Amino acid sequence: MSSMEIDFKQYQLRCQLRGHEDDVRGICVCGSEGIATSSRDRTVRFWSLDSSDKRKYVSSKMLLGHSSFVGPLAWIAPDEEFPEGGIVSGGMDTMVFVWDLRTGEKVQSLKGHQVQVTGVVLDGGDIISSSVDCTLRRWRKGQPVESWEAHKSAIQAVIKLPSGELVSGSTDTTLKLWRGKTCLHTFSGHTDTVRGLGVMHGLGILSASHDGSIMLWAQSGEVLMVMVGHTSIVYSVDAHVSGLIVSGSEDRFAKIWK
């Protein structure tokens, strides 16, 4: 069945991942290998398929090293350096860590941000991180390559587009489109913090805001659509290739838009 033929009415709760001792702050699907989660309990957990019940997952690795709550996660697909894949995590402790899932060990500690790390994304072999310190930083093989002040206020999210550019969202209410350290465009339209970002394949960029709205933008900066329905802060947004948009809010609702 292709992505356009999925019968979403057949979806139901498959299993629950129990193990964290505080709220779960981040989640990352790691190819077919498993799922990674991060938590205010200062841990990252990796969940693998249960060999006795393929509908369930079990906690197979607990990654310890952060000294405060852990938020954004990114998946490193298996390669020569990471035969079983790896995880990148960012925390309130200002650190970005790289973990080898074969051993469960921390193999890189990326220190440079001054306050909370809010986003991590892979750009080829590099890692890009965003922070409340208003900067984006590029890391390569465990070393800092470059950093720049991307906004005048805290950066809340960063994503990479299929075309290769980066997009950042900030407390200053704007999104910015980047090629390297060059800002190609500033997107203005929200009236409060831009908290979450997503990609709608073939159409543009999604943003979720504290102003309660979700916006779809063309890369040129044109607002293609505004979705209003939440009654509080919208923290996150993502889209399926079928055109389905999903958002999550402080109002305790996840909403599906189509």
Protein backbone atom coordinates (compact mmCIF):
# COMPACT_ATOMS: atom_id res chain seq x y z
CA MET A 1 0.00 0.00 0.00
CA SER A 2 1.45 3.39 -0.97
CA SER A 3 1.52 6.42 1.35
CA MET A 4 -1.45 7.86 -0.54
CA GLU A 5 -3.53 4.71 0.07
CA ILE A 6 -3.15 4.43 3.84
CA ASP A 7 -6.48 3.93 5.59
CA PHE A 8 -6.06 6.17 8.63
CA LYS A 9 -9.32 4.85 10.11
CA GLN A 10 -7.50 1.59 10.81
CA TYR A 11 -4.98 3.32 13.09
CA GLN A 12 -5.25 2.57 16.80
CA LEU A 13 -3.02 2.55 19.87
CA ARG A 14 -0.47 -0.21 19.32
CA CYS A 15 1.57 -0.08 22.53
CA GLN A 16 2.86 2.22 25.25
CA LEU A 17 6.51 2.79 26.12
CA ARG A 18 6.82 2.84 29.90
CA GLY A 19 10.08 3.59 31.66
CA HIS A 20 10.72 7.32 31.94
CA GLU A 21 10.28 8.80 35.40
CA ASP A 22 9.21 12.26 34.23
CA ASP A 23 7.59 13.87 31.20
CA VAL A 24 8.81 12.84 27.75
CA ARG A 25 10.25 15.84 25.89
CA GLY A 26 11.43 14.40 22.58
CA ILE A 27 10.87 11.44 20.28
CA CYS A 28 12.65 10.21 17.19
CA VAL A 29 11.86 7.30 14.85
CA CYS A 30 15.15 5.55 14.14
CA GLY A 31 14.57 3.90 10.78
CA SER A 32 13.42 0.32 11.25
CA GLU A 33 15.77 -0.13 14.20
CA GLY A 34 13.57 1.40 16.89
CA ILE A 35 12.45 4.58 18.63
CA ALA A 36 14.41 7.03 20.80
CA THR A 37 12.81 9.15 23.52
CA SER A 38 14.12 11.88 25.80
CA SER A 39 12.80 13.07 29.12
CA ARG A 40 12.91 15.56 31.93
CA ASP A 41 14.32 12.62 33.94
CA ARG A 42 17.68 13.42 32.23
CA THR A 43 17.79 10.20 30.21
CA VAL A 44 17.53 9.12 26.60
CA ARG A 45 16.01 5.70 26.04
CA PHE A 46 16.20 3.53 22.95
CA TRP A 47 13.30 1.16 22.36
CA SER A 48 13.65 -1.97 20.20
CA LEU A 49 11.00 -4.34 18.91
CA ASP A 50 10.09 -6.97 21.48
CA SER A 51 11.35 -10.31 20.11
CA SER A 52 8.41 -12.12 21.73
CA ASP A 53 5.72 -9.71 20.47
CA LYS A 54 6.46 -7.70 17.33
CA ARG A 55 3.67 -5.25 18.12
CA LYS A 56 5.51 -4.04 21.22
CA TYR A 57 8.76 -2.26 22.02
CA VAL A 58 11.08 -2.74 24.99
CA SER A 59 13.69 -0.39 26.45
CA SER A 60 16.99 -1.82 25.21
CA LYS A 61 19.33 1.08 26.03
CA MET A 62 19.28 3.86 28.61
CA LEU A 63 21.72 6.65 27.72
CA LEU A 64 22.99 8.52 30.78
CA GLY A 65 25.07 11.68 30.67
CA HIS A 66 22.91 14.80 30.65
CA SER A 67 22.72 16.69 33.94
CA SER A 68 19.33 18.26 33.23
CA PHE A 69 16.28 17.52 31.11
CA VAL A 70 16.83 16.28 27.58
CA GLY A 71 14.85 17.61 24.61
CA PRO A 72 15.66 17.37 20.89
CA LEU A 73 16.85 14.15 19.28
CA ALA A 74 18.21 13.16 15.88
CA TRP A 75 18.91 9.72 14.39
CA ILE A 76 22.22 8.79 12.77
CA ALA A 77 21.59 5.95 10.32
CA PRO A 78 23.98 2.96 10.51
CA ASP A 79 27.31 3.57 8.78
CA GLU A 80 30.95 2.61 9.17
CA GLU A 81 31.37 4.77 12.28
CA PHE A 82 28.05 3.72 13.84
CA PRO A 83 27.32 0.13 12.69
CA GLU A 84 24.05 0.04 14.67
CA GLY A 85 23.26 3.72 14.30
CA GLY A 86 23.59 6.62 16.68
CA ILE A 87 21.60 9.29 18.50
CA VAL A 88 22.23 13.02 18.86
CA SER A 89 20.65 14.64 21.93
CA GLY A 90 20.44 18.21 23.20
CA GLY A 91 19.72 19.27 26.74
CA MET A 92 18.88 22.01 29.20
CA ASP A 93 22.48 21.54 30.42
CA THR A 94 23.71 23.35 27.22
CA MET A 95 25.29 20.14 25.88
CA VAL A 96 24.92 18.22 22.64
CA PHE A 97 25.86 14.54 22.98
CA VAL A 98 26.42 11.88 20.33
CA TRP A 99 25.71 8.28 21.35
CA ASP A 100 26.81 5.00 19.76
CA LEU A 101 23.84 2.63 19.93
CA ARG A 102 26.03 -0.46 19.58
CA THR A 103 27.64 0.22 22.95
CA GLY A 104 25.21 2.69 24.49
CA GLU A 105 28.18 4.94 25.19
CA LYS A 106 28.55 8.69 24.70
CA VAL A 107 31.20 9.21 22.02
CA GLN A 108 31.08 12.99 21.50
CA SER A 109 30.39 15.87 23.88
CA LEU A 110 29.76 19.12 22.01
CA LYS A 111 30.18 22.09 24.33
CA GLY A 112 29.65 25.65 23.15
CA HIS A 113 26.10 26.80 23.73
CA GLN A 114 25.56 29.08 26.71
CA VAL A 115 22.03 27.98 27.61
CA GLN A 116 19.45 25.33 26.69
CA VAL A 117 19.80 23.44 23.40
CA THR A 118 16.43 23.52 21.61
CA GLY A 119 17.11 21.71 18.34
CA VAL A 120 19.48 19.25 16.66
CA VAL A 121 19.47 18.26 13.00
CA LEU A 122 21.86 16.40 10.70
CA ASP A 123 23.30 18.17 7.66
CA GLY A 124 25.28 15.58 5.75
CA GLY A 125 27.99 14.51 8.18
CA ASP A 126 27.58 17.66 10.27
CA ILE A 127 25.35 18.38 13.25
CA ILE A 128 23.46 21.68 13.49
CA SER A 129 22.21 22.76 16.91
CA SER A 130 20.02 25.65 18.01
CA SER A 131 19.76 27.27 21.41
CA VAL A 132 18.05 29.79 23.62
CA ASP A 133 21.39 31.67 23.36
CA CYS A 134 20.17 32.87 19.90
CA THR A 135 22.83 30.97 17.96
CA LEU A 136 23.03 28.17 15.44
CA ARG A 137 26.17 26.05 15.65
CA ARG A 138 27.70 23.60 13.20
CA TRP A 139 29.73 20.64 14.47
CA ARG A 140 31.87 18.23 12.45
CA LYS A 141 33.47 15.06 13.83
CA GLY A 142 33.04 16.31 17.38
CA GLN A 143 34.53 19.75 16.77
CA PRO A 144 32.94 23.20 16.34
CA VAL A 145 33.07 24.47 12.76
CA GLU A 146 31.09 27.70 12.90
CA SER A 147 28.42 29.52 14.87
CA TRP A 148 26.36 32.60 14.25
CA GLU A 149 23.71 34.73 15.90
CA ALA A 150 20.69 33.71 13.86
CA HIS A 151 18.06 35.69 15.79
CA LYS A 152 18.03 38.44 18.40
CA SER A 153 15.86 36.29 20.68
CA ALA A 154 15.87 32.63 21.72
CA ILE A 155 15.79 30.06 18.92
CA GLN A 156 13.16 27.42 19.63
CA ALA A 157 13.57 25.05 16.66
CA VAL A 158 15.65 24.24 13.60
CA ILE A 159 14.93 21.91 10.68
CA LYS A 160 16.59 21.01 7.40
CA LEU A 161 14.57 21.20 4.19
CA PRO A 162 14.79 18.50 1.48
CA SER A 163 16.45 21.14 -0.72
CA GLY A 164 19.27 21.51 1.82
CA GLU A 165 18.49 24.86 3.44
CA LEU A 166 17.97 25.29 7.18
CA VAL A 167 14.98 26.98 8.80
CA SER A 168 15.02 28.41 12.32
CA GLY A 169 12.10 29.61 14.44
CA SER A 170 12.41 32.06 17.30
CA THR A 171 10.85 33.86 20.23
CA ASP A 172 11.17 37.00 18.05
CA THR A 173 8.06 35.62 16.18
CA THR A 174 9.94 35.03 12.90
CA LEU A 175 11.27 32.13 10.87
CA LYS A 176 14.50 32.46 8.92
CA LEU A 177 15.66 30.50 5.88
CA TRP A 178 19.42 29.82 5.77
CA ARG A 179 21.92 28.65 3.19
CA GLY A 180 25.08 28.26 5.22
CA LYS A 181 25.33 31.39 7.38
CA THR A 182 23.46 33.50 4.82
CA CYS A 183 19.87 34.39 5.63
CA LEU A 184 17.88 34.07 2.41
CA HIS A 185 14.55 35.19 3.81
CA THR A 186 12.83 36.24 7.04
CA PHE A 187 9.23 35.05 7.45
CA SER A 188 7.01 37.43 9.42
CA GLY A 189 3.39 36.69 10.27
CA HIS A 190 3.10 35.12 13.70
CA THR A 191 2.37 37.40 16.64
CA ASP A 192 4.15 35.32 19.28
CA THR A 193 6.99 32.79 19.65
CA VAL A 194 7.54 30.30 16.82
CA ARG A 195 7.84 27.06 18.80
CA GLY A 196 7.75 24.21 16.28
CA LEU A 197 8.69 23.65 12.64
CA GLY A 198 7.90 20.99 10.08
CA VAL A 199 8.15 20.24 6.37
CA MET A 200 5.16 19.73 4.11
CA HIS A 201 6.76 17.90 1.21
CA GLY A 202 6.24 19.54 -2.14
CA LEU A 203 4.58 22.61 -0.64
CA GLY A 204 6.66 24.37 1.98
CA ILE A 205 7.37 25.00 5.65
CA LEU A 206 5.02 24.55 8.61
CA SER A 207 5.29 26.63 11.77
CA ALA A 208 3.53 26.29 15.13
CA SER A 209 3.28 29.27 17.44
CA HIS A 210 2.42 30.46 20.92
CA ASP A 211 -0.20 32.63 19.18
CA GLY A 212 -2.29 29.46 18.75
CA SER A 213 -1.93 29.20 14.98
CA ILE A 214 -0.20 26.95 12.46
CA MET A 215 1.05 28.49 9.22
CA LEU A 216 2.13 26.96 5.93
CA TRP A 217 4.74 29.03 4.08
CA ALA A 218 6.20 28.89 0.60
CA GLN A 219 10.00 29.17 0.60
CA SER A 220 9.52 32.60 -0.97
CA GLY A 221 7.91 33.76 2.28
CA GLU A 222 4.31 33.78 1.07
CA VAL A 223 1.76 32.52 3.59
CA LEU A 224 -0.15 29.73 1.84
CA MET A 225 -2.47 28.76 4.69
CA VAL A 226 -3.28 29.66 8.30
CA MET A 227 -4.85 27.03 10.55
CA VAL A 228 -6.59 28.24 13.72
CA GLY A 229 -8.32 25.84 16.09
CA HIS A 230 -6.18 25.41 19.18
CA THR A 231 -7.01 27.49 22.25
CA SER A 232 -3.46 27.74 23.62
CA ILE A 233 0.22 27.48 22.67
CA VAL A 234 0.91 25.15 19.72
CA TYR A 235 4.15 23.33 20.48
CA SER A 236 4.60 21.04 17.51
CA VAL A 237 3.55 20.40 13.94
CA ASP A 238 4.35 17.80 11.30
CA ALA A 239 2.95 16.54 8.00
CA HIS A 240 2.53 13.25 6.16
CA VAL A 241 3.29 12.92 2.45
CA SER A 242 -0.46 12.36 1.88
CA GLY A 243 -1.12 15.97 2.91
CA LEU A 244 -2.21 15.24 6.47
CA ILE A 245 -1.03 17.86 9.01
CA VAL A 246 -0.86 17.09 12.75
CA SER A 247 -0.38 19.64 15.54
CA GLY A 248 -0.01 19.38 19.32
CA SER A 249 -0.90 22.05 21.84
CA GLU A 250 -0.88 23.09 25.48
CA ASP A 251 -4.69 22.85 25.22
CA ARG A 252 -4.15 19.05 25.53
CA PHE A 253 -5.36 18.34 22.00
CA ALA A 254 -3.58 16.93 19.00
CA LYS A 255 -5.41 18.10 15.90
CA ILE A 256 -5.37 16.64 12.39
CA TRP A 257 -5.80 18.98 9.42
CA LYS A 258 -6.60 17.89 5.88
